[in-house]
Amino acid sequence: MMERAWQTVLERYGQTVELGRGEERHTVKAFFQPVEEKRPGAEPTPLGVAPRGKYLYLGPAEETLEGVEELHWKGRAFVPLRQREMELGDRMVYRWGLFAER
C-alpha cells in the first residue's frame, strides 16, 4: 500500500530525470531538489538554503541507483556521491541518493 502511494506521488509531482549506466539510459520520475543546508556559502532555494551543486534524489524502489554513473536533469549532468535503499519495516519503499553537479 505504501509503495503504491509513493508511486502515485512520484508520478504526479516528481521531475523527469535520466539515469545513465554506461551507454544505457533510463528515464524515471523522482524528486530531485537542492540539498537543504544552513551554512556560509549556501544559496537560498524553494526548499531552504542549499550548497551549490548538491542535489537530493528520492526515487522509485524498483529503479536501483547501483551502477549509475550520471544523472541528467534539465540539460545538466550530475554524478552520484552516495545512495541508499530506504525501507519501511521489511519492504523497500524508495531510493535515496546524493548527487553533485558535474
N, C-alpha and C. Protein backbone atom coordinates (compact mmCIF):
# COMPACT_ATOMS: atom_id res chain seq x y z
N MET A 1 0.82 -1.19 0.00
CA MET A 1 0.00 0.00 0.00
C MET A 1 0.87 1.26 0.00
N MET A 2 1.90 1.29 0.86
CA MET A 2 2.78 2.45 0.93
C MET A 2 3.51 2.65 -0.40
N GLU A 3 3.91 1.53 -1.03
CA GLU A 3 4.62 1.62 -2.31
C GLU A 3 3.73 2.25 -3.38
N ARG A 4 2.48 1.87 -3.40
CA ARG A 4 1.55 2.43 -4.39
C ARG A 4 1.33 3.92 -4.16
N ALA A 5 1.21 4.32 -2.90
CA ALA A 5 1.04 5.74 -2.58
C ALA A 5 2.28 6.54 -3.02
N TRP A 6 3.48 5.98 -2.77
CA TRP A 6 4.73 6.65 -3.17
C TRP A 6 4.79 6.79 -4.70
N GLN A 7 4.42 5.74 -5.43
CA GLN A 7 4.42 5.81 -6.89
C GLN A 7 3.46 6.88 -7.40
N THR A 8 2.30 6.99 -6.78
CA THR A 8 1.32 7.99 -7.19
C THR A 8 1.88 9.40 -6.98
N VAL A 9 2.52 9.63 -5.84
CA VAL A 9 3.12 10.94 -5.55
C VAL A 9 4.22 11.25 -6.56
N LEU A 10 5.08 10.26 -6.85
CA LEU A 10 6.16 10.47 -7.83
C LEU A 10 5.59 10.81 -9.20
N GLU A 11 4.61 10.06 -9.64
CA GLU A 11 4.03 10.30 -10.97
C GLU A 11 3.39 11.68 -11.06
N ARG A 12 2.76 12.11 -10.00
CA ARG A 12 2.05 13.38 -10.04
C ARG A 12 2.97 14.58 -9.84
N TYR A 13 3.94 14.48 -8.92
CA TYR A 13 4.74 15.65 -8.54
C TYR A 13 6.24 15.53 -8.84
N GLY A 14 6.70 14.36 -9.23
CA GLY A 14 8.13 14.16 -9.46
C GLY A 14 8.63 14.82 -10.74
N GLN A 15 9.94 15.00 -10.82
CA GLN A 15 10.58 15.53 -12.01
C GLN A 15 11.05 14.34 -12.86
N THR A 16 11.14 14.55 -14.15
CA THR A 16 11.67 13.53 -15.04
C THR A 16 13.18 13.65 -15.05
N VAL A 17 13.87 12.57 -14.70
CA VAL A 17 15.34 12.53 -14.72
C VAL A 17 15.77 11.33 -15.54
N GLU A 18 16.99 11.41 -16.06
CA GLU A 18 17.54 10.31 -16.85
C GLU A 18 18.74 9.74 -16.12
N LEU A 19 18.72 8.44 -15.86
CA LEU A 19 19.81 7.75 -15.18
C LEU A 19 20.67 7.07 -16.23
N GLY A 20 21.98 7.30 -16.18
CA GLY A 20 22.88 6.71 -17.16
C GLY A 20 23.83 5.70 -16.55
N ARG A 21 23.86 4.52 -17.14
CA ARG A 21 24.81 3.45 -16.79
C ARG A 21 25.54 3.09 -18.06
N GLY A 22 26.74 3.62 -18.24
CA GLY A 22 27.47 3.41 -19.49
C GLY A 22 26.67 3.98 -20.64
N GLU A 23 26.40 3.18 -21.66
CA GLU A 23 25.62 3.62 -22.82
C GLU A 23 24.11 3.56 -22.56
N GLU A 24 23.72 2.84 -21.52
CA GLU A 24 22.30 2.66 -21.21
C GLU A 24 21.74 3.90 -20.52
N ARG A 25 20.56 4.35 -20.96
CA ARG A 25 19.87 5.48 -20.35
C ARG A 25 18.45 5.04 -19.99
N HIS A 26 17.99 5.47 -18.81
CA HIS A 26 16.64 5.11 -18.38
C HIS A 26 16.00 6.34 -17.75
N THR A 27 14.79 6.66 -18.17
CA THR A 27 14.06 7.82 -17.66
C THR A 27 13.11 7.38 -16.56
N VAL A 28 13.13 8.12 -15.43
CA VAL A 28 12.24 7.84 -14.31
C VAL A 28 11.71 9.15 -13.75
N LYS A 29 10.65 9.04 -12.97
CA LYS A 29 10.13 10.18 -12.21
C LYS A 29 10.70 10.08 -10.80
N ALA A 30 11.24 11.18 -10.30
CA ALA A 30 11.84 11.21 -8.96
C ALA A 30 11.78 12.64 -8.44
N PHE A 31 11.93 12.78 -7.14
CA PHE A 31 12.13 14.12 -6.58
C PHE A 31 13.62 14.39 -6.66
N PHE A 32 13.99 15.51 -7.26
CA PHE A 32 15.39 15.87 -7.43
C PHE A 32 15.49 17.36 -7.12
N GLN A 33 16.01 17.67 -5.94
CA GLN A 33 16.00 19.04 -5.44
C GLN A 33 17.33 19.40 -4.79
N PRO A 34 17.65 20.69 -4.72
CA PRO A 34 18.86 21.11 -3.99
C PRO A 34 18.81 20.63 -2.55
N VAL A 35 19.95 20.26 -2.01
CA VAL A 35 20.04 19.80 -0.62
C VAL A 35 19.86 20.98 0.31
N GLU A 36 18.99 20.81 1.32
CA GLU A 36 18.81 21.86 2.32
C GLU A 36 19.96 21.81 3.31
N GLU A 37 20.62 22.95 3.49
CA GLU A 37 21.74 23.01 4.41
C GLU A 37 21.91 24.46 4.86
N LYS A 38 22.24 24.65 6.11
CA LYS A 38 22.40 26.01 6.63
C LYS A 38 23.84 26.23 7.05
N ARG A 39 24.59 26.87 6.18
CA ARG A 39 25.97 27.23 6.50
C ARG A 39 26.44 28.29 5.51
N PRO A 40 27.53 28.97 5.82
CA PRO A 40 28.02 30.03 4.93
C PRO A 40 28.31 29.49 3.53
N GLY A 41 28.04 30.33 2.53
CA GLY A 41 28.31 29.96 1.16
C GLY A 41 27.16 29.25 0.49
N ALA A 42 26.08 29.01 1.23
CA ALA A 42 24.93 28.34 0.66
C ALA A 42 24.03 29.36 -0.04
N GLU A 43 23.18 28.88 -0.91
CA GLU A 43 22.28 29.77 -1.62
C GLU A 43 20.84 29.44 -1.30
N PRO A 44 19.95 30.44 -1.27
CA PRO A 44 18.54 30.17 -0.98
C PRO A 44 17.87 29.43 -2.14
N THR A 45 16.97 28.50 -1.80
CA THR A 45 16.19 27.74 -2.79
C THR A 45 14.76 27.63 -2.28
N PRO A 46 13.84 27.13 -3.10
CA PRO A 46 12.47 26.95 -2.62
C PRO A 46 12.36 26.00 -1.43
N LEU A 47 13.34 25.12 -1.24
CA LEU A 47 13.28 24.17 -0.14
C LEU A 47 14.12 24.60 1.06
N GLY A 48 14.71 25.75 1.02
CA GLY A 48 15.57 26.21 2.12
C GLY A 48 16.88 26.72 1.56
N VAL A 49 17.93 26.55 2.32
CA VAL A 49 19.26 27.02 1.90
C VAL A 49 20.06 25.79 1.48
N ALA A 50 20.74 25.88 0.34
CA ALA A 50 21.44 24.71 -0.19
C ALA A 50 22.86 25.07 -0.62
N PRO A 51 23.79 24.14 -0.44
CA PRO A 51 25.12 24.36 -1.00
C PRO A 51 25.02 24.22 -2.52
N ARG A 52 25.80 24.97 -3.23
CA ARG A 52 25.73 24.91 -4.68
C ARG A 52 26.16 23.55 -5.21
N GLY A 53 25.36 23.03 -6.12
CA GLY A 53 25.73 21.82 -6.83
C GLY A 53 25.41 20.50 -6.18
N LYS A 54 24.84 20.46 -4.98
CA LYS A 54 24.49 19.20 -4.32
C LYS A 54 22.97 19.02 -4.40
N TYR A 55 22.54 17.82 -4.83
CA TYR A 55 21.12 17.56 -5.03
C TYR A 55 20.71 16.24 -4.40
N LEU A 56 19.50 16.24 -3.85
CA LEU A 56 18.90 15.08 -3.23
C LEU A 56 17.99 14.38 -4.24
N TYR A 57 18.12 13.06 -4.31
CA TYR A 57 17.29 12.23 -5.19
C TYR A 57 16.45 11.31 -4.32
N LEU A 58 15.14 11.32 -4.54
CA LEU A 58 14.22 10.36 -3.92
C LEU A 58 13.45 9.73 -5.06
N GLY A 59 13.70 8.45 -5.31
CA GLY A 59 13.12 7.82 -6.48
C GLY A 59 12.44 6.50 -6.19
N PRO A 60 11.94 5.88 -7.25
CA PRO A 60 11.18 4.64 -7.09
C PRO A 60 12.03 3.48 -6.59
N ALA A 61 11.43 2.64 -5.78
CA ALA A 61 12.13 1.49 -5.20
C ALA A 61 12.63 0.53 -6.26
N GLU A 62 11.87 0.38 -7.33
CA GLU A 62 12.23 -0.61 -8.34
C GLU A 62 13.38 -0.17 -9.26
N GLU A 63 13.78 1.09 -9.20
CA GLU A 63 14.88 1.58 -10.05
C GLU A 63 16.13 1.79 -9.21
N THR A 64 17.03 0.82 -9.23
CA THR A 64 18.25 0.90 -8.44
C THR A 64 19.16 2.03 -8.91
N LEU A 65 19.93 2.56 -7.99
CA LEU A 65 20.95 3.56 -8.34
C LEU A 65 22.32 2.91 -8.49
N GLU A 66 22.39 1.60 -8.23
CA GLU A 66 23.66 0.87 -8.41
C GLU A 66 24.11 1.00 -9.85
N GLY A 67 25.36 1.33 -10.04
CA GLY A 67 25.92 1.42 -11.38
C GLY A 67 25.61 2.71 -12.11
N VAL A 68 24.80 3.59 -11.53
CA VAL A 68 24.50 4.87 -12.19
C VAL A 68 25.76 5.72 -12.17
N GLU A 69 26.20 6.12 -13.34
CA GLU A 69 27.40 6.94 -13.47
C GLU A 69 27.07 8.41 -13.59
N GLU A 70 25.85 8.70 -14.10
CA GLU A 70 25.47 10.09 -14.31
C GLU A 70 23.95 10.21 -14.32
N LEU A 71 23.45 11.33 -13.82
CA LEU A 71 22.04 11.65 -13.85
C LEU A 71 21.91 12.94 -14.64
N HIS A 72 20.93 12.99 -15.55
CA HIS A 72 20.69 14.19 -16.35
C HIS A 72 19.33 14.77 -15.99
N TRP A 73 19.31 16.09 -15.79
CA TRP A 73 18.09 16.79 -15.42
C TRP A 73 18.16 18.20 -15.96
N LYS A 74 17.17 18.58 -16.75
CA LYS A 74 17.07 19.93 -17.31
C LYS A 74 18.37 20.37 -18.01
N GLY A 75 18.97 19.46 -18.77
CA GLY A 75 20.17 19.78 -19.52
C GLY A 75 21.44 19.84 -18.71
N ARG A 76 21.39 19.44 -17.45
CA ARG A 76 22.57 19.46 -16.57
C ARG A 76 22.92 18.04 -16.18
N ALA A 77 24.22 17.81 -15.92
CA ALA A 77 24.70 16.47 -15.56
C ALA A 77 25.14 16.44 -14.10
N PHE A 78 24.84 15.33 -13.42
CA PHE A 78 25.16 15.13 -12.01
C PHE A 78 25.79 13.76 -11.83
N VAL A 79 26.72 13.65 -10.88
CA VAL A 79 27.35 12.37 -10.57
C VAL A 79 26.94 11.94 -9.17
N PRO A 80 26.79 10.63 -8.95
CA PRO A 80 26.37 10.15 -7.63
C PRO A 80 27.49 10.23 -6.61
N LEU A 81 27.13 10.63 -5.39
CA LEU A 81 28.06 10.65 -4.26
C LEU A 81 27.75 9.50 -3.31
N ARG A 82 26.45 9.32 -3.00
CA ARG A 82 26.01 8.26 -2.09
C ARG A 82 24.61 7.82 -2.50
N GLN A 83 24.27 6.59 -2.11
CA GLN A 83 22.92 6.09 -2.36
C GLN A 83 22.56 5.06 -1.32
N ARG A 84 21.27 4.98 -1.02
CA ARG A 84 20.76 4.02 -0.03
C ARG A 84 19.38 3.54 -0.44
N GLU A 85 19.05 2.35 0.02
CA GLU A 85 17.69 1.82 -0.10
C GLU A 85 16.96 2.18 1.19
N MET A 86 15.81 2.80 1.10
CA MET A 86 15.06 3.22 2.27
C MET A 86 13.89 2.27 2.48
N GLU A 87 13.84 1.70 3.68
CA GLU A 87 12.85 0.67 3.99
C GLU A 87 11.86 1.13 5.05
N LEU A 88 10.69 0.56 4.98
CA LEU A 88 9.65 0.72 5.99
C LEU A 88 9.29 -0.69 6.40
N GLY A 89 9.68 -1.07 7.61
CA GLY A 89 9.53 -2.46 8.02
C GLY A 89 10.48 -3.31 7.20
N ASP A 90 9.95 -4.36 6.58
CA ASP A 90 10.76 -5.25 5.75
C ASP A 90 10.69 -4.92 4.27
N ARG A 91 10.04 -3.84 3.90
CA ARG A 91 9.85 -3.53 2.49
C ARG A 91 10.60 -2.26 2.11
N MET A 92 11.29 -2.33 0.98
CA MET A 92 11.94 -1.13 0.46
C MET A 92 10.87 -0.25 -0.17
N VAL A 93 10.86 1.04 0.22
CA VAL A 93 9.82 1.95 -0.23
C VAL A 93 10.35 2.89 -1.31
N TYR A 94 11.59 3.38 -1.16
CA TYR A 94 12.14 4.29 -2.16
C TYR A 94 13.66 4.26 -2.12
N ARG A 95 14.28 4.89 -3.11
CA ARG A 95 15.74 5.02 -3.19
C ARG A 95 16.13 6.45 -2.87
N TRP A 96 17.18 6.59 -2.07
CA TRP A 96 17.72 7.89 -1.66
C TRP A 96 19.09 8.03 -2.30
N GLY A 97 19.40 9.22 -2.82
CA GLY A 97 20.73 9.45 -3.37
C GLY A 97 21.14 10.90 -3.20
N LEU A 98 22.46 11.11 -3.14
CA LEU A 98 23.04 12.44 -3.10
C LEU A 98 23.90 12.58 -4.34
N PHE A 99 23.68 13.63 -5.10
CA PHE A 99 24.39 13.87 -6.35
C PHE A 99 25.08 15.22 -6.33
N ALA A 100 26.16 15.34 -7.09
CA ALA A 100 26.87 16.62 -7.25
C ALA A 100 26.84 16.99 -8.72
N GLU A 101 26.66 18.28 -8.97
CA GLU A 101 26.64 18.74 -10.35
C GLU A 101 28.04 18.59 -10.95
N ARG A 102 28.09 18.06 -12.17
CA ARG A 102 29.37 17.85 -12.86
C ARG A 102 29.92 19.17 -13.32
